[in-house]
Amino acid sequence: MPPATLLLFLIATASAALAHLLWGRRWIQLPIFWMAALAGCLIAYALGLRAPLELPTPAGVPVLEVVLGAWILLIVASRLRV
């Protein structure tokens, strides 16, 4: 598995777990949060979003932008009634 893919999965999993800890009420929300976090990570990575800061990009993944993308979609997913 390429390092970028593994890093994206790890960021999505950590973000989804933290979001479920903060906003989750039922176990069914955990996979929904994980899919939302992964979608946010992939969208930010695929669009090549970059902040004007010179931050390190391990495995070519802009970590700050990917985490922000994940949390934007996690906030949207948390507001849905599931």
PDB file of N, CA and C in Angstrom:
ATOM      1  N   MET A   1       0.848  -1.169   0.000  1.00  0.00           N
ATOM      2  CA  MET A   1       0.000   0.000   0.000  1.00  0.00           C
ATOM      3  C   MET A   1       0.896   1.235   0.000  1.00  0.00           C
ATOM      4  N   PRO A   2       0.630   2.179  -0.889  1.00  0.00           N
ATOM      5  CA  PRO A   2       1.457   3.400  -0.932  1.00  0.00           C
ATOM      6  C   PRO A   2       1.328   4.214   0.358  1.00  0.00           C
ATOM      7  N   PRO A   3       2.386   4.912   0.737  1.00  0.00           N
ATOM      8  CA  PRO A   3       2.353   5.669   1.987  1.00  0.00           C
ATOM      9  C   PRO A   3       1.278   6.755   2.012  1.00  0.00           C
ATOM     10  N   ALA A   4       1.009   7.391   0.877  1.00  0.00           N
ATOM     11  CA  ALA A   4      -0.008   8.446   0.849  1.00  0.00           C
ATOM     12  C   ALA A   4      -1.384   7.875   1.161  1.00  0.00           C
ATOM     13  N   THR A   5      -1.694   6.720   0.624  1.00  0.00           N
ATOM     14  CA  THR A   5      -2.989   6.086   0.881  1.00  0.00           C
ATOM     15  C   THR A   5      -3.127   5.712   2.350  1.00  0.00           C
ATOM     16  N   LEU A   6      -2.089   5.154   2.899  1.00  0.00           N
ATOM     17  CA  LEU A   6      -2.110   4.777   4.310  1.00  0.00           C
ATOM     18  C   LEU A   6      -2.284   6.002   5.203  1.00  0.00           C
ATOM     19  N   LEU A   7      -1.590   7.072   4.883  1.00  0.00           N
ATOM     20  CA  LEU A   7      -1.693   8.294   5.671  1.00  0.00           C
ATOM     21  C   LEU A   7      -3.097   8.888   5.584  1.00  0.00           C
ATOM     22  N   LEU A   8      -3.700   8.858   4.406  1.00  0.00           N
ATOM     23  CA  LEU A   8      -5.070   9.359   4.255  1.00  0.00           C
ATOM     24  C   LEU A   8      -6.051   8.529   5.081  1.00  0.00           C
ATOM     25  N   PHE A   9      -5.899   7.214   5.069  1.00  0.00           N
ATOM     26  CA  PHE A   9      -6.764   6.348   5.864  1.00  0.00           C
ATOM     27  C   PHE A   9      -6.572   6.606   7.360  1.00  0.00           C
ATOM     28  N   LEU A  10      -5.343   6.810   7.792  1.00  0.00           N
ATOM     29  CA  LEU A  10      -5.075   7.071   9.210  1.00  0.00           C
ATOM     30  C   LEU A  10      -5.665   8.406   9.664  1.00  0.00           C
ATOM     31  N   ILE A  11      -5.533   9.431   8.835  1.00  0.00           N
ATOM     32  CA  ILE A  11      -6.092  10.738   9.170  1.00  0.00           C
ATOM     33  C   ILE A  11      -7.615  10.659   9.225  1.00  0.00           C
ATOM     34  N   ALA A  12      -8.216   9.971   8.252  1.00  0.00           N
ATOM     35  CA  ALA A  12      -9.672   9.837   8.241  1.00  0.00           C
ATOM     36  C   ALA A  12     -10.169   9.055   9.452  1.00  0.00           C
ATOM     37  N   THR A  13      -9.473   8.000   9.809  1.00  0.00           N
ATOM     38  CA  THR A  13      -9.888   7.189  10.947  1.00  0.00           C
ATOM     39  C   THR A  13      -9.764   7.958  12.258  1.00  0.00           C
ATOM     40  N   ALA A  14      -8.672   8.667  12.437  1.00  0.00           N
ATOM     41  CA  ALA A  14      -8.487   9.448  13.670  1.00  0.00           C
ATOM     42  C   ALA A  14      -9.514  10.576  13.758  1.00  0.00           C
ATOM     43  N   SER A  15      -9.780  11.245  12.653  1.00  0.00           N
ATOM     44  CA  SER A  15     -10.759  12.329  12.654  1.00  0.00           C
ATOM     45  C   SER A  15     -12.158  11.799  12.935  1.00  0.00           C
ATOM     46  N   ALA A  16     -12.518  10.677  12.314  1.00  0.00           N
ATOM     47  CA  ALA A  16     -13.846  10.098  12.530  1.00  0.00           C
ATOM     48  C   ALA A  16     -14.015   9.630  13.972  1.00  0.00           C
ATOM     49  N   ALA A  17     -12.982   9.043  14.541  1.00  0.00           N
ATOM     50  CA  ALA A  17     -13.071   8.586  15.925  1.00  0.00           C
ATOM     51  C   ALA A  17     -13.240   9.767  16.883  1.00  0.00           C
ATOM     52  N   LEU A  18     -12.516  10.839  16.656  1.00  0.00           N
ATOM     53  CA  LEU A  18     -12.650  12.014  17.514  1.00  0.00           C
ATOM     54  C   LEU A  18     -14.023  12.668  17.333  1.00  0.00           C
ATOM     55  N   ALA A  19     -14.503  12.731  16.104  1.00  0.00           N
ATOM     56  CA  ALA A  19     -15.831  13.302  15.867  1.00  0.00           C
ATOM     57  C   ALA A  19     -16.910  12.459  16.523  1.00  0.00           C
ATOM     58  N   HIS A  20     -16.762  11.150  16.474  1.00  0.00           N
ATOM     59  CA  HIS A  20     -17.749  10.288  17.123  1.00  0.00           C
ATOM     60  C   HIS A  20     -17.691  10.439  18.638  1.00  0.00           C
ATOM     61  N   LEU A  21     -16.508  10.642  19.163  1.00  0.00           N
ATOM     62  CA  LEU A  21     -16.375  10.879  20.597  1.00  0.00           C
ATOM     63  C   LEU A  21     -17.057  12.186  20.998  1.00  0.00           C
ATOM     64  N   LEU A  22     -16.954  13.205  20.145  1.00  0.00           N
ATOM     65  CA  LEU A  22     -17.531  14.505  20.457  1.00  0.00           C
ATOM     66  C   LEU A  22     -19.033  14.560  20.201  1.00  0.00           C
ATOM     67  N   TRP A  23     -19.488  14.044  19.060  1.00  0.00           N
ATOM     68  CA  TRP A  23     -20.873  14.246  18.632  1.00  0.00           C
ATOM     69  C   TRP A  23     -21.680  12.974  18.488  1.00  0.00           C
ATOM     70  N   GLY A  24     -21.055  11.814  18.548  1.00  0.00           N
ATOM     71  CA  GLY A  24     -21.765  10.571  18.276  1.00  0.00           C
ATOM     72  C   GLY A  24     -22.713  10.163  19.387  1.00  0.00           C
ATOM     73  N   ARG A  25     -23.835   9.619  18.980  1.00  0.00           N
ATOM     74  CA  ARG A  25     -24.808   9.130  19.944  1.00  0.00           C
ATOM     75  C   ARG A  25     -25.034   7.633  19.799  1.00  0.00           C
ATOM     76  N   ARG A  26     -24.917   7.141  18.576  1.00  0.00           N
ATOM     77  CA  ARG A  26     -25.158   5.725  18.304  1.00  0.00           C
ATOM     78  C   ARG A  26     -23.997   5.166  17.492  1.00  0.00           C
ATOM     79  N   TRP A  27     -23.856   3.843  17.544  1.00  0.00           N
ATOM     80  CA  TRP A  27     -22.760   3.183  16.827  1.00  0.00           C
ATOM     81  C   TRP A  27     -22.900   3.296  15.322  1.00  0.00           C
ATOM     82  N   ILE A  28     -24.114   3.452  14.819  1.00  0.00           N
ATOM     83  CA  ILE A  28     -24.314   3.546  13.375  1.00  0.00           C
ATOM     84  C   ILE A  28     -23.685   4.826  12.812  1.00  0.00           C
ATOM     85  N   GLN A  29     -23.454   5.807  13.664  1.00  0.00           N
ATOM     86  CA  GLN A  29     -22.847   7.055  13.211  1.00  0.00           C
ATOM     87  C   GLN A  29     -21.351   6.918  12.943  1.00  0.00           C
ATOM     88  N   LEU A  30     -20.704   5.952  13.552  1.00  0.00           N
ATOM     89  CA  LEU A  30     -19.255   5.800  13.371  1.00  0.00           C
ATOM     90  C   LEU A  30     -18.871   5.541  11.911  1.00  0.00           C
ATOM     91  N   PRO A  31     -19.493   4.580  11.202  1.00  0.00           N
ATOM     92  CA  PRO A  31     -19.126   4.417   9.794  1.00  0.00           C
ATOM     93  C   PRO A  31     -19.526   5.609   8.931  1.00  0.00           C
ATOM     94  N   ILE A  32     -20.591   6.296   9.311  1.00  0.00           N
ATOM     95  CA  ILE A  32     -20.978   7.493   8.558  1.00  0.00           C
ATOM     96  C   ILE A  32     -19.928   8.577   8.732  1.00  0.00           C
ATOM     97  N   PHE A  33     -19.466   8.766   9.954  1.00  0.00           N
ATOM     98  CA  PHE A  33     -18.396   9.732  10.197  1.00  0.00           C
ATOM     99  C   PHE A  33     -17.118   9.335   9.466  1.00  0.00           C
ATOM    100  N   TRP A  34     -16.831   8.037   9.441  1.00  0.00           N
ATOM    101  CA  TRP A  34     -15.605   7.590   8.771  1.00  0.00           C
ATOM    102  C   TRP A  34     -15.686   7.853   7.266  1.00  0.00           C
ATOM    103  N   MET A  35     -16.840   7.584   6.671  1.00  0.00           N
ATOM    104  CA  MET A  35     -16.996   7.839   5.232  1.00  0.00           C
ATOM    105  C   MET A  35     -16.925   9.335   4.930  1.00  0.00           C
ATOM    106  N   ALA A  36     -17.502  10.164   5.799  1.00  0.00           N
ATOM    107  CA  ALA A  36     -17.442  11.614   5.597  1.00  0.00           C
ATOM    108  C   ALA A  36     -16.003  12.115   5.727  1.00  0.00           C
ATOM    109  N   ALA A  37     -15.279  11.618   6.709  1.00  0.00           N
ATOM    110  CA  ALA A  37     -13.885  12.033   6.896  1.00  0.00           C
ATOM    111  C   ALA A  37     -13.024  11.584   5.720  1.00  0.00           C
ATOM    112  N   LEU A  38     -13.230  10.361   5.264  1.00  0.00           N
ATOM    113  CA  LEU A  38     -12.455   9.871   4.122  1.00  0.00           C
ATOM    114  C   LEU A  38     -12.783  10.673   2.867  1.00  0.00           C
ATOM    115  N   ALA A  39     -14.053  10.995   2.665  1.00  0.00           N
ATOM    116  CA  ALA A  39     -14.432  11.801   1.504  1.00  0.00           C
ATOM    117  C   ALA A  39     -13.781  13.186   1.569  1.00  0.00           C
ATOM    118  N   GLY A  40     -13.782  13.801   2.745  1.00  0.00           N
ATOM    119  CA  GLY A  40     -13.137  15.108   2.896  1.00  0.00           C
ATOM    120  C   GLY A  40     -11.644  15.046   2.641  1.00  0.00           C
ATOM    121  N   CYS A  41     -11.001  13.995   3.136  1.00  0.00           N
ATOM    122  CA  CYS A  41      -9.562  13.816   2.893  1.00  0.00           C
ATOM    123  C   CYS A  41      -9.276  13.651   1.408  1.00  0.00           C
ATOM    124  N   LEU A  42     -10.060  12.793   0.762  1.00  0.00           N
ATOM    125  CA  LEU A  42      -9.822  12.528  -0.658  1.00  0.00           C
ATOM    126  C   LEU A  42     -10.105  13.743  -1.526  1.00  0.00           C
ATOM    127  N   ILE A  43     -11.138  14.495  -1.199  1.00  0.00           N
ATOM    128  CA  ILE A  43     -11.443  15.701  -1.981  1.00  0.00           C
ATOM    129  C   ILE A  43     -10.320  16.717  -1.851  1.00  0.00           C
ATOM    130  N   ALA A  44      -9.867  16.960  -0.642  1.00  0.00           N
ATOM    131  CA  ALA A  44      -8.777  17.925  -0.441  1.00  0.00           C
ATOM    132  C   ALA A  44      -7.494  17.463  -1.115  1.00  0.00           C
ATOM    133  N   TYR A  45      -7.221  16.163  -1.061  1.00  0.00           N
ATOM    134  CA  TYR A  45      -6.008  15.629  -1.681  1.00  0.00           C
ATOM    135  C   TYR A  45      -6.115  15.646  -3.205  1.00  0.00           C
ATOM    136  N   ALA A  46      -7.279  15.274  -3.725  1.00  0.00           N
ATOM    137  CA  ALA A  46      -7.449  15.215  -5.182  1.00  0.00           C
ATOM    138  C   ALA A  46      -7.434  16.603  -5.815  1.00  0.00           C
ATOM    139  N   LEU A  47      -7.998  17.581  -5.125  1.00  0.00           N
ATOM    140  CA  LEU A  47      -8.000  18.941  -5.666  1.00  0.00           C
ATOM    141  C   LEU A  47      -6.649  19.624  -5.515  1.00  0.00           C
ATOM    142  N   GLY A  48      -5.792  19.051  -4.713  1.00  0.00           N
ATOM    143  CA  GLY A  48      -4.459  19.624  -4.523  1.00  0.00           C
ATOM    144  C   GLY A  48      -4.484  20.936  -3.769  1.00  0.00           C
ATOM    145  N   LEU A  49      -5.380  21.045  -2.814  1.00  0.00           N
ATOM    146  CA  LEU A  49      -5.480  22.275  -2.036  1.00  0.00           C
ATOM    147  C   LEU A  49      -4.221  22.469  -1.204  1.00  0.00           C
ATOM    148  N   ARG A  50      -3.716  23.681  -1.223  1.00  0.00           N
ATOM    149  CA  ARG A  50      -2.500  24.002  -0.468  1.00  0.00           C
ATOM    150  C   ARG A  50      -2.687  25.327   0.240  1.00  0.00           C
ATOM    151  N   ALA A  51      -2.300  25.380   1.490  1.00  0.00           N
ATOM    152  CA  ALA A  51      -2.294  26.633   2.243  1.00  0.00           C
ATOM    153  C   ALA A  51      -1.025  27.401   1.871  1.00  0.00           C
ATOM    154  N   PRO A  52      -1.057  28.713   2.045  1.00  0.00           N
ATOM    155  CA  PRO A  52       0.139  29.495   1.704  1.00  0.00           C
ATOM    156  C   PRO A  52       1.304  29.280   2.670  1.00  0.00           C
ATOM    157  N   LEU A  53       1.132  28.400   3.646  1.00  0.00           N
ATOM    158  CA  LEU A  53       2.199  28.109   4.603  1.00  0.00           C
ATOM    159  C   LEU A  53       3.132  27.050   4.033  1.00  0.00           C
ATOM    160  N   GLU A  54       4.367  27.089   4.428  1.00  0.00           N
ATOM    161  CA  GLU A  54       5.348  26.090   4.011  1.00  0.00           C
ATOM    162  C   GLU A  54       5.418  24.989   5.066  1.00  0.00           C
ATOM    163  N   LEU A  55       4.441  24.104   5.054  1.00  0.00           N
ATOM    164  CA  LEU A  55       4.401  23.010   6.013  1.00  0.00           C
ATOM    165  C   LEU A  55       4.911  21.741   5.347  1.00  0.00           C
ATOM    166  N   PRO A  56       5.458  20.820   6.136  1.00  0.00           N
ATOM    167  CA  PRO A  56       5.923  19.563   5.554  1.00  0.00           C
ATOM    168  C   PRO A  56       4.750  18.744   5.018  1.00  0.00           C
ATOM    169  N   THR A  57       5.010  18.014   3.950  1.00  0.00           N
ATOM    170  CA  THR A  57       3.992  17.157   3.345  1.00  0.00           C
ATOM    171  C   THR A  57       4.524  15.728   3.305  1.00  0.00           C
ATOM    172  N   PRO A  58       4.308  14.971   4.380  1.00  0.00           N
ATOM    173  CA  PRO A  58       4.791  13.587   4.394  1.00  0.00           C
ATOM    174  C   PRO A  58       4.069  12.769   3.339  1.00  0.00           C
ATOM    175  N   ALA A  59       4.834  12.046   2.538  1.00  0.00           N
ATOM    176  CA  ALA A  59       4.321  11.205   1.452  1.00  0.00           C
ATOM    177  C   ALA A  59       3.539  12.025   0.429  1.00  0.00           C
ATOM    178  N   GLY A  60       3.802  13.322   0.364  1.00  0.00           N
ATOM    179  CA  GLY A  60       3.116  14.173  -0.598  1.00  0.00           C
ATOM    180  C   GLY A  60       1.707  14.564  -0.183  1.00  0.00           C
ATOM    181  N   VAL A  61       1.346  14.293   1.057  1.00  0.00           N
ATOM    182  CA  VAL A  61       0.005  14.608   1.551  1.00  0.00           C
ATOM    183  C   VAL A  61       0.063  15.909   2.352  1.00  0.00           C
ATOM    184  N   PRO A  62      -0.673  16.939   1.910  1.00  0.00           N
ATOM    185  CA  PRO A  62      -0.736  18.177   2.703  1.00  0.00           C
ATOM    186  C   PRO A  62      -1.637  17.958   3.922  1.00  0.00           C
ATOM    187  N   VAL A  63      -1.040  17.677   5.045  1.00  0.00           N
ATOM    188  CA  VAL A  63      -1.773  17.207   6.230  1.00  0.00           C
ATOM    189  C   VAL A  63      -2.783  18.246   6.721  1.00  0.00           C
ATOM    190  N   LEU A  64      -2.411  19.496   6.827  1.00  0.00           N
ATOM    191  CA  LEU A  64      -3.323  20.528   7.324  1.00  0.00           C
ATOM    192  C   LEU A  64      -4.570  20.627   6.443  1.00  0.00           C
ATOM    193  N   GLU A  65      -4.376  20.664   5.140  1.00  0.00           N
ATOM    194  CA  GLU A  65      -5.497  20.809   4.223  1.00  0.00           C
ATOM    195  C   GLU A  65      -6.398  19.577   4.229  1.00  0.00           C
ATOM    196  N   VAL A  66      -5.786  18.405   4.342  1.00  0.00           N
ATOM    197  CA  VAL A  66      -6.553  17.162   4.365  1.00  0.00           C
ATOM    198  C   VAL A  66      -7.380  17.065   5.646  1.00  0.00           C
ATOM    199  N   VAL A  67      -6.786  17.448   6.766  1.00  0.00           N
ATOM    200  CA  VAL A  67      -7.519  17.420   8.035  1.00  0.00           C
ATOM    201  C   VAL A  67      -8.666  18.434   8.013  1.00  0.00           C
ATOM    202  N   LEU A  68      -8.418  19.610   7.477  1.00  0.00           N
ATOM    203  CA  LEU A  68      -9.494  20.602   7.384  1.00  0.00           C
ATOM    204  C   LEU A  68     -10.622  20.112   6.481  1.00  0.00           C
ATOM    205  N   GLY A  69     -10.283  19.490   5.365  1.00  0.00           N
ATOM    206  CA  GLY A  69     -11.310  18.928   4.491  1.00  0.00           C
ATOM    207  C   GLY A  69     -12.125  17.863   5.180  1.00  0.00           C
ATOM    208  N   ALA A  70     -11.457  17.007   5.954  1.00  0.00           N
ATOM    209  CA  ALA A  70     -12.165  15.965   6.691  1.00  0.00           C
ATOM    210  C   ALA A  70     -13.116  16.576   7.713  1.00  0.00           C
ATOM    211  N   TRP A  71     -12.660  17.584   8.440  1.00  0.00           N
ATOM    212  CA  TRP A  71     -13.500  18.159   9.489  1.00  0.00           C
ATOM    213  C   TRP A  71     -14.655  18.965   8.921  1.00  0.00           C
ATOM    214  N   ILE A  72     -14.487  19.562   7.764  1.00  0.00           N
ATOM    215  CA  ILE A  72     -15.616  20.269   7.152  1.00  0.00           C
ATOM    216  C   ILE A  72     -16.740  19.290   6.846  1.00  0.00           C
ATOM    217  N   LEU A  73     -16.405  18.157   6.250  1.00  0.00           N
ATOM    218  CA  LEU A  73     -17.447  17.174   5.954  1.00  0.00           C
ATOM    219  C   LEU A  73     -17.942  16.474   7.224  1.00  0.00           C
ATOM    220  N   LEU A  74     -17.102  16.348   8.226  1.00  0.00           N
ATOM    221  CA  LEU A  74     -17.565  15.774   9.494  1.00  0.00           C
ATOM    222  C   LEU A  74     -18.581  16.677  10.180  1.00  0.00           C
ATOM    223  N   ILE A  75     -18.393  17.964  10.105  1.00  0.00           N
ATOM    224  CA  ILE A  75     -19.364  18.882  10.685  1.00  0.00           C
ATOM    225  C   ILE A  75     -20.695  18.770   9.953  1.00  0.00           C
ATOM    226  N   VAL A  76     -20.631  18.660   8.629  1.00  0.00           N
ATOM    227  CA  VAL A  76     -21.866  18.476   7.854  1.00  0.00           C
ATOM    228  C   VAL A  76     -22.536  17.161   8.248  1.00  0.00           C
ATOM    229  N   ALA A  77     -21.766  16.102   8.357  1.00  0.00           N
ATOM    230  CA  ALA A  77     -22.329  14.792   8.698  1.00  0.00           C
ATOM    231  C   ALA A  77     -22.897  14.781  10.115  1.00  0.00           C
ATOM    232  N   SER A  78     -22.304  15.528  11.018  1.00  0.00           N
ATOM    233  CA  SER A  78     -22.797  15.541  12.392  1.00  0.00           C
ATOM    234  C   SER A  78     -24.132  16.252  12.500  1.00  0.00           C
ATOM    235  N   ARG A  79     -24.415  17.144  11.588  1.00  0.00           N
ATOM    236  CA  ARG A  79     -25.675  17.877  11.609  1.00  0.00           C
ATOM    237  C   ARG A  79     -26.816  17.085  10.985  1.00  0.00           C
ATOM    238  N   LEU A  80     -26.515  16.020  10.283  1.00  0.00           N
ATOM    239  CA  LEU A  80     -27.552  15.179   9.705  1.00  0.00           C
ATOM    240  C   LEU A  80     -28.192  14.335  10.796  1.00  0.00           C
ATOM    241  N   ARG A  81     -29.440  14.074  10.682  1.00  0.00           N
ATOM    242  CA  ARG A  81     -30.144  13.257  11.686  1.00  0.00           C
ATOM    243  C   ARG A  81     -30.110  11.810  11.237  1.00  0.00           C
ATOM    244  N   VAL A  82     -29.217  11.041  11.840  1.00  0.00           N
ATOM    245  CA  VAL A  82     -29.106   9.608  11.518  1.00  0.00           C
ATOM    246  C   VAL A  82     -29.305   8.815  12.786  1.00  0.00           C
TER     247      VAL A  82
END
